[in-house]
N, C-alpha and C. Protein backbone atom coordinates (compact mmCIF):
# COMPACT_ATOMS: atom_id res chain seq x y z
N MET A 1 136.02 142.00 250.63
CA MET A 1 135.57 141.53 249.34
C MET A 1 134.04 141.53 249.30
N ASN A 2 133.49 142.04 248.25
CA ASN A 2 132.06 141.97 248.04
C ASN A 2 131.73 140.70 247.27
N ILE A 3 130.68 140.06 247.70
CA ILE A 3 130.22 138.86 247.00
C ILE A 3 129.32 139.32 245.87
N ASN A 4 129.65 138.92 244.67
CA ASN A 4 128.80 139.29 243.54
C ASN A 4 128.63 138.10 242.60
N SER A 5 127.82 138.26 241.62
CA SER A 5 127.46 137.16 240.74
C SER A 5 128.61 136.71 239.84
N PHE A 6 129.69 137.49 239.77
CA PHE A 6 130.79 137.11 238.91
C PHE A 6 131.78 136.17 239.58
N GLU A 7 131.64 135.99 240.88
CA GLU A 7 132.54 135.10 241.60
C GLU A 7 132.10 133.65 241.39
N ASP A 8 133.05 132.76 241.42
CA ASP A 8 132.67 131.34 241.34
C ASP A 8 132.28 130.86 242.74
N ASN A 9 131.65 129.71 242.80
CA ASN A 9 131.11 129.20 244.06
C ASN A 9 132.18 129.01 245.12
N GLU A 10 133.34 128.54 244.75
CA GLU A 10 134.41 128.30 245.73
C GLU A 10 134.86 129.60 246.39
N ASN A 11 135.00 130.66 245.60
CA ASN A 11 135.40 131.96 246.18
C ASN A 11 134.33 132.51 247.11
N ILE A 12 133.08 132.31 246.75
CA ILE A 12 131.99 132.78 247.60
C ILE A 12 131.98 132.01 248.91
N LEU A 13 132.13 130.68 248.85
CA LEU A 13 132.18 129.87 250.06
C LEU A 13 133.35 130.30 250.95
N THR A 14 134.49 130.57 250.34
CA THR A 14 135.66 131.01 251.10
C THR A 14 135.38 132.33 251.81
N GLU A 15 134.76 133.26 251.11
CA GLU A 15 134.44 134.56 251.72
C GLU A 15 133.42 134.40 252.85
N VAL A 16 132.41 133.58 252.66
CA VAL A 16 131.43 133.33 253.72
C VAL A 16 132.13 132.72 254.93
N GLY A 17 133.05 131.80 254.69
CA GLY A 17 133.82 131.19 255.77
C GLY A 17 134.63 132.21 256.55
N HIS A 18 135.27 133.14 255.83
CA HIS A 18 136.05 134.20 256.50
C HIS A 18 135.14 135.07 257.36
N ARG A 19 133.95 135.37 256.86
CA ARG A 19 133.02 136.21 257.60
C ARG A 19 132.51 135.50 258.85
N ILE A 20 132.27 134.20 258.75
CA ILE A 20 131.84 133.44 259.92
C ILE A 20 132.96 133.45 260.97
N LYS A 21 134.19 133.25 260.52
CA LYS A 21 135.32 133.24 261.45
C LYS A 21 135.47 134.60 262.13
N LYS A 22 135.36 135.69 261.36
CA LYS A 22 135.47 137.03 261.95
C LYS A 22 134.38 137.26 262.99
N ALA A 23 133.17 136.82 262.69
CA ALA A 23 132.06 136.99 263.64
C ALA A 23 132.31 136.17 264.90
N ARG A 24 132.86 134.97 264.74
CA ARG A 24 133.17 134.12 265.90
C ARG A 24 134.24 134.78 266.77
N VAL A 25 135.28 135.30 266.13
CA VAL A 25 136.36 135.94 266.88
C VAL A 25 135.85 137.19 267.59
N ARG A 26 135.01 137.98 266.91
CA ARG A 26 134.41 139.17 267.55
C ARG A 26 133.57 138.78 268.76
N ALA A 27 132.92 137.61 268.68
CA ALA A 27 132.10 137.13 269.79
C ALA A 27 132.95 136.49 270.88
N LYS A 28 134.27 136.42 270.66
CA LYS A 28 135.23 135.86 271.62
C LYS A 28 134.90 134.41 271.95
N LEU A 29 134.64 133.65 270.89
CA LEU A 29 134.35 132.22 271.03
C LEU A 29 135.40 131.41 270.31
N THR A 30 135.73 130.27 270.87
CA THR A 30 136.57 129.32 270.15
C THR A 30 135.65 128.50 269.22
N GLN A 31 136.25 127.77 268.32
CA GLN A 31 135.45 126.91 267.45
C GLN A 31 134.67 125.89 268.28
N ALA A 32 135.31 125.36 269.30
CA ALA A 32 134.64 124.37 270.16
C ALA A 32 133.47 124.99 270.90
N GLU A 33 133.64 126.22 271.40
CA GLU A 33 132.55 126.89 272.11
C GLU A 33 131.39 127.19 271.17
N LEU A 34 131.71 127.65 269.96
CA LEU A 34 130.66 127.93 268.98
C LEU A 34 129.91 126.65 268.63
N ALA A 35 130.64 125.58 268.46
CA ALA A 35 130.01 124.29 268.14
C ALA A 35 129.10 123.85 269.28
N GLN A 36 129.57 123.97 270.50
CA GLN A 36 128.79 123.53 271.66
C GLN A 36 127.54 124.39 271.83
N LYS A 37 127.67 125.70 271.70
CA LYS A 37 126.53 126.60 271.89
C LYS A 37 125.52 126.50 270.76
N SER A 38 125.99 126.23 269.55
CA SER A 38 125.08 126.20 268.41
C SER A 38 124.43 124.83 268.20
N GLY A 39 125.07 123.80 268.70
CA GLY A 39 124.55 122.46 268.47
C GLY A 39 125.08 121.85 267.18
N ALA A 40 125.96 122.55 266.51
CA ALA A 40 126.64 122.00 265.33
C ALA A 40 127.92 121.35 265.80
N GLY A 41 128.43 120.43 265.03
CA GLY A 41 129.68 119.77 265.40
C GLY A 41 130.88 120.69 265.20
N LYS A 42 131.94 120.41 265.95
CA LYS A 42 133.16 121.22 265.80
C LYS A 42 133.72 121.11 264.40
N SER A 43 133.65 119.93 263.82
CA SER A 43 134.15 119.76 262.44
C SER A 43 133.30 120.56 261.45
N THR A 44 132.02 120.74 261.76
CA THR A 44 131.15 121.55 260.90
C THR A 44 131.58 123.01 260.95
N VAL A 45 131.88 123.51 262.15
CA VAL A 45 132.35 124.88 262.30
C VAL A 45 133.67 125.05 261.56
N GLU A 46 134.57 124.09 261.69
CA GLU A 46 135.86 124.15 261.00
C GLU A 46 135.66 124.18 259.49
N ARG A 47 134.76 123.31 258.98
CA ARG A 47 134.49 123.27 257.53
C ARG A 47 133.91 124.60 257.05
N ALA A 48 132.98 125.15 257.83
CA ALA A 48 132.36 126.42 257.44
C ALA A 48 133.41 127.52 257.34
N GLU A 49 134.30 127.58 258.33
CA GLU A 49 135.33 128.62 258.32
C GLU A 49 136.37 128.42 257.22
N ARG A 50 136.55 127.20 256.78
CA ARG A 50 137.47 126.93 255.67
C ARG A 50 136.80 127.18 254.31
N GLY A 51 135.51 127.48 254.33
CA GLY A 51 134.81 127.73 253.08
C GLY A 51 134.35 126.47 252.39
N GLN A 52 134.17 125.43 253.17
CA GLN A 52 133.64 124.20 252.61
C GLN A 52 132.14 124.15 252.85
N SER A 53 131.47 123.33 252.08
CA SER A 53 130.03 123.26 252.14
C SER A 53 129.56 122.62 253.45
N ILE A 54 128.51 123.22 254.03
CA ILE A 54 127.86 122.65 255.22
C ILE A 54 126.35 122.69 254.97
N GLN A 55 125.62 121.97 255.79
CA GLN A 55 124.17 121.96 255.64
C GLN A 55 123.59 123.32 256.04
N LEU A 56 122.51 123.67 255.39
CA LEU A 56 121.86 124.95 255.65
C LEU A 56 121.41 125.05 257.11
N LEU A 57 120.89 123.97 257.68
CA LEU A 57 120.45 123.99 259.07
C LEU A 57 121.62 124.33 260.00
N ASN A 58 122.79 123.78 259.73
CA ASN A 58 123.97 124.10 260.55
C ASN A 58 124.38 125.56 260.40
N LEU A 59 124.26 126.10 259.20
CA LEU A 59 124.57 127.51 258.99
C LEU A 59 123.61 128.38 259.81
N ILE A 60 122.34 128.02 259.82
CA ILE A 60 121.35 128.77 260.61
C ILE A 60 121.69 128.70 262.10
N LYS A 61 122.07 127.52 262.58
CA LYS A 61 122.45 127.37 263.98
C LYS A 61 123.65 128.25 264.33
N ILE A 62 124.64 128.26 263.45
CA ILE A 62 125.86 129.04 263.68
C ILE A 62 125.52 130.53 263.68
N LEU A 63 124.75 130.97 262.68
CA LEU A 63 124.39 132.39 262.59
C LEU A 63 123.56 132.83 263.80
N ARG A 64 122.67 131.96 264.27
CA ARG A 64 121.86 132.30 265.44
C ARG A 64 122.76 132.49 266.67
N THR A 65 123.70 131.61 266.85
CA THR A 65 124.60 131.69 268.00
C THR A 65 125.47 132.94 267.93
N LEU A 66 125.84 133.35 266.72
CA LEU A 66 126.68 134.54 266.54
C LEU A 66 125.85 135.83 266.47
N ASN A 67 124.55 135.72 266.75
CA ASN A 67 123.63 136.87 266.65
C ASN A 67 123.67 137.50 265.26
N GLN A 68 123.78 136.68 264.25
CA GLN A 68 123.83 137.15 262.86
C GLN A 68 122.66 136.61 262.03
N LEU A 69 121.68 136.03 262.68
CA LEU A 69 120.57 135.42 261.95
C LEU A 69 119.79 136.45 261.15
N ASP A 70 119.73 137.68 261.64
CA ASP A 70 119.01 138.72 260.91
C ASP A 70 119.67 139.07 259.58
N SER A 71 120.92 138.67 259.40
CA SER A 71 121.59 138.93 258.13
C SER A 71 120.95 138.14 256.98
N LEU A 72 120.18 137.12 257.31
CA LEU A 72 119.47 136.38 256.27
C LEU A 72 118.37 137.24 255.63
N ASN A 73 117.88 138.24 256.36
CA ASN A 73 116.90 139.15 255.77
C ASN A 73 117.50 139.95 254.64
N THR A 74 118.77 140.28 254.76
CA THR A 74 119.46 140.98 253.68
C THR A 74 119.74 140.02 252.54
N LEU A 75 120.11 138.81 252.90
CA LEU A 75 120.42 137.80 251.89
C LEU A 75 119.20 137.47 251.05
N LEU A 76 118.09 137.24 251.71
CA LEU A 76 116.84 136.89 251.03
C LEU A 76 115.71 137.75 251.59
N PRO A 77 115.54 138.95 251.07
CA PRO A 77 114.48 139.81 251.61
C PRO A 77 113.10 139.22 251.34
N SER A 78 112.18 139.55 252.21
CA SER A 78 110.81 139.09 252.07
C SER A 78 110.22 139.68 250.79
N THR A 79 109.48 138.87 250.06
CA THR A 79 108.87 139.33 248.82
C THR A 79 107.37 139.53 248.98
N GLU A 80 106.89 139.46 250.22
CA GLU A 80 105.47 139.68 250.45
C GLU A 80 105.15 141.15 250.20
N ARG A 81 104.03 141.37 249.57
CA ARG A 81 103.61 142.74 249.32
C ARG A 81 102.86 143.28 250.53
N THR A 82 103.05 144.54 250.76
CA THR A 82 102.32 145.20 251.83
C THR A 82 100.93 145.57 251.31
N PRO A 83 99.99 145.84 252.19
CA PRO A 83 98.66 146.26 251.73
C PRO A 83 98.72 147.49 250.82
N MET A 84 99.61 148.42 251.12
CA MET A 84 99.73 149.61 250.27
C MET A 84 100.21 149.25 248.86
N GLU A 85 101.11 148.27 248.77
CA GLU A 85 101.58 147.85 247.45
C GLU A 85 100.45 147.24 246.64
N TYR A 86 99.57 146.48 247.30
CA TYR A 86 98.42 145.94 246.59
C TYR A 86 97.50 147.05 246.09
N LEU A 87 97.35 148.11 246.89
CA LEU A 87 96.51 149.22 246.46
C LEU A 87 97.12 149.98 245.29
N MET A 88 98.43 150.03 245.24
CA MET A 88 99.11 150.79 244.19
C MET A 88 99.14 150.05 242.86
N ILE A 89 98.99 148.74 242.90
CA ILE A 89 99.05 147.94 241.68
C ILE A 89 97.67 147.93 241.04
N ARG A 90 97.63 148.28 239.78
CA ARG A 90 96.36 148.26 239.05
C ARG A 90 96.56 147.42 237.80
N SER A 91 95.66 146.51 237.61
CA SER A 91 95.73 145.66 236.43
C SER A 91 95.17 146.41 235.23
N PRO A 92 95.92 146.48 234.13
CA PRO A 92 95.44 147.23 232.96
C PRO A 92 94.24 146.56 232.28
N ASN A 93 94.00 145.28 232.54
CA ASN A 93 92.90 144.57 231.88
C ASN A 93 91.58 144.72 232.62
N LYS A 94 91.61 145.17 233.83
CA LYS A 94 90.39 145.29 234.61
C LYS A 94 89.93 146.74 234.63
N SER A 95 88.68 146.93 234.36
CA SER A 95 88.16 148.29 234.43
C SER A 95 87.79 148.60 235.87
N GLU A 96 87.90 149.86 236.21
CA GLU A 96 87.56 150.27 237.56
C GLU A 96 86.06 150.45 237.66
N ARG A 97 85.55 150.14 238.79
CA ARG A 97 84.12 150.29 239.02
C ARG A 97 83.79 151.78 239.16
N VAL A 98 82.71 152.17 238.52
CA VAL A 98 82.29 153.57 238.57
C VAL A 98 81.08 153.65 239.49
N TYR A 99 81.14 154.54 240.45
CA TYR A 99 80.06 154.73 241.39
C TYR A 99 79.31 156.02 241.04
N GLN A 100 78.00 155.95 241.16
CA GLN A 100 77.19 157.15 240.94
C GLN A 100 77.18 157.95 242.23
N LYS A 101 77.21 159.25 242.07
CA LYS A 101 77.10 160.11 243.25
C LYS A 101 75.66 160.04 243.74
N ARG A 102 75.51 159.96 245.01
CA ARG A 102 74.18 159.89 245.61
C ARG A 102 73.74 161.28 246.05
N ASN A 103 72.49 161.50 245.87
CA ASN A 103 71.91 162.76 246.32
C ASN A 103 71.52 162.57 247.78
N PRO A 104 72.11 163.31 248.71
CA PRO A 104 71.81 163.09 250.13
C PRO A 104 70.37 163.47 250.49
N ASP A 105 69.69 164.29 249.65
CA ASP A 105 68.33 164.72 249.94
C ASP A 105 67.28 163.76 249.37
N ALA A 106 67.69 162.84 248.53
CA ALA A 106 66.74 161.93 247.88
C ALA A 106 66.28 160.88 248.88
N LYS A 107 64.98 160.48 248.74
CA LYS A 107 64.44 159.44 249.60
C LYS A 107 64.86 158.08 249.09
N PHE A 108 65.09 157.16 250.03
CA PHE A 108 65.47 155.79 249.66
C PHE A 108 64.23 155.06 249.15
N LYS A 109 64.42 154.29 248.06
CA LYS A 109 63.33 153.49 247.51
C LYS A 109 63.81 152.07 247.32
N TRP A 110 62.94 151.15 247.66
CA TRP A 110 63.21 149.75 247.37
C TRP A 110 62.93 149.54 245.89
N GLY A 111 63.45 148.46 245.35
CA GLY A 111 63.27 148.16 243.93
C GLY A 111 61.82 148.02 243.53
N ASP A 112 60.95 147.54 244.44
CA ASP A 112 59.55 147.33 244.08
C ASP A 112 58.68 148.53 244.47
N ASP A 113 59.28 149.59 245.03
CA ASP A 113 58.54 150.81 245.39
C ASP A 113 58.62 151.81 244.23
N GLU A 114 57.65 151.80 243.38
CA GLU A 114 57.68 152.78 242.29
C GLU A 114 56.37 153.42 242.10
């Protein structure tokens, strides 16, 4: 099942719970072992797998133990702009600075040298 915006919260929680359980089984851990290794309570692991609400910190602990913490990057990708993105963005209200071409053969003069 794909999680999408048309699902209600209960169905999404249930699907997340199924995915946590599948990851735990793939890791060959019991609920008690996952709870002990993650630092979350066994009842928290049980609630998560049943699709019931748990604290975000406990979800992070569980995902870290299951080596799934990087999946949060997909869930919430970074919105920081790269330096190249800043260079590509141009504000329509700001005029660009115009530079005069310099003559490489011309002598340098100070402002008061005339």
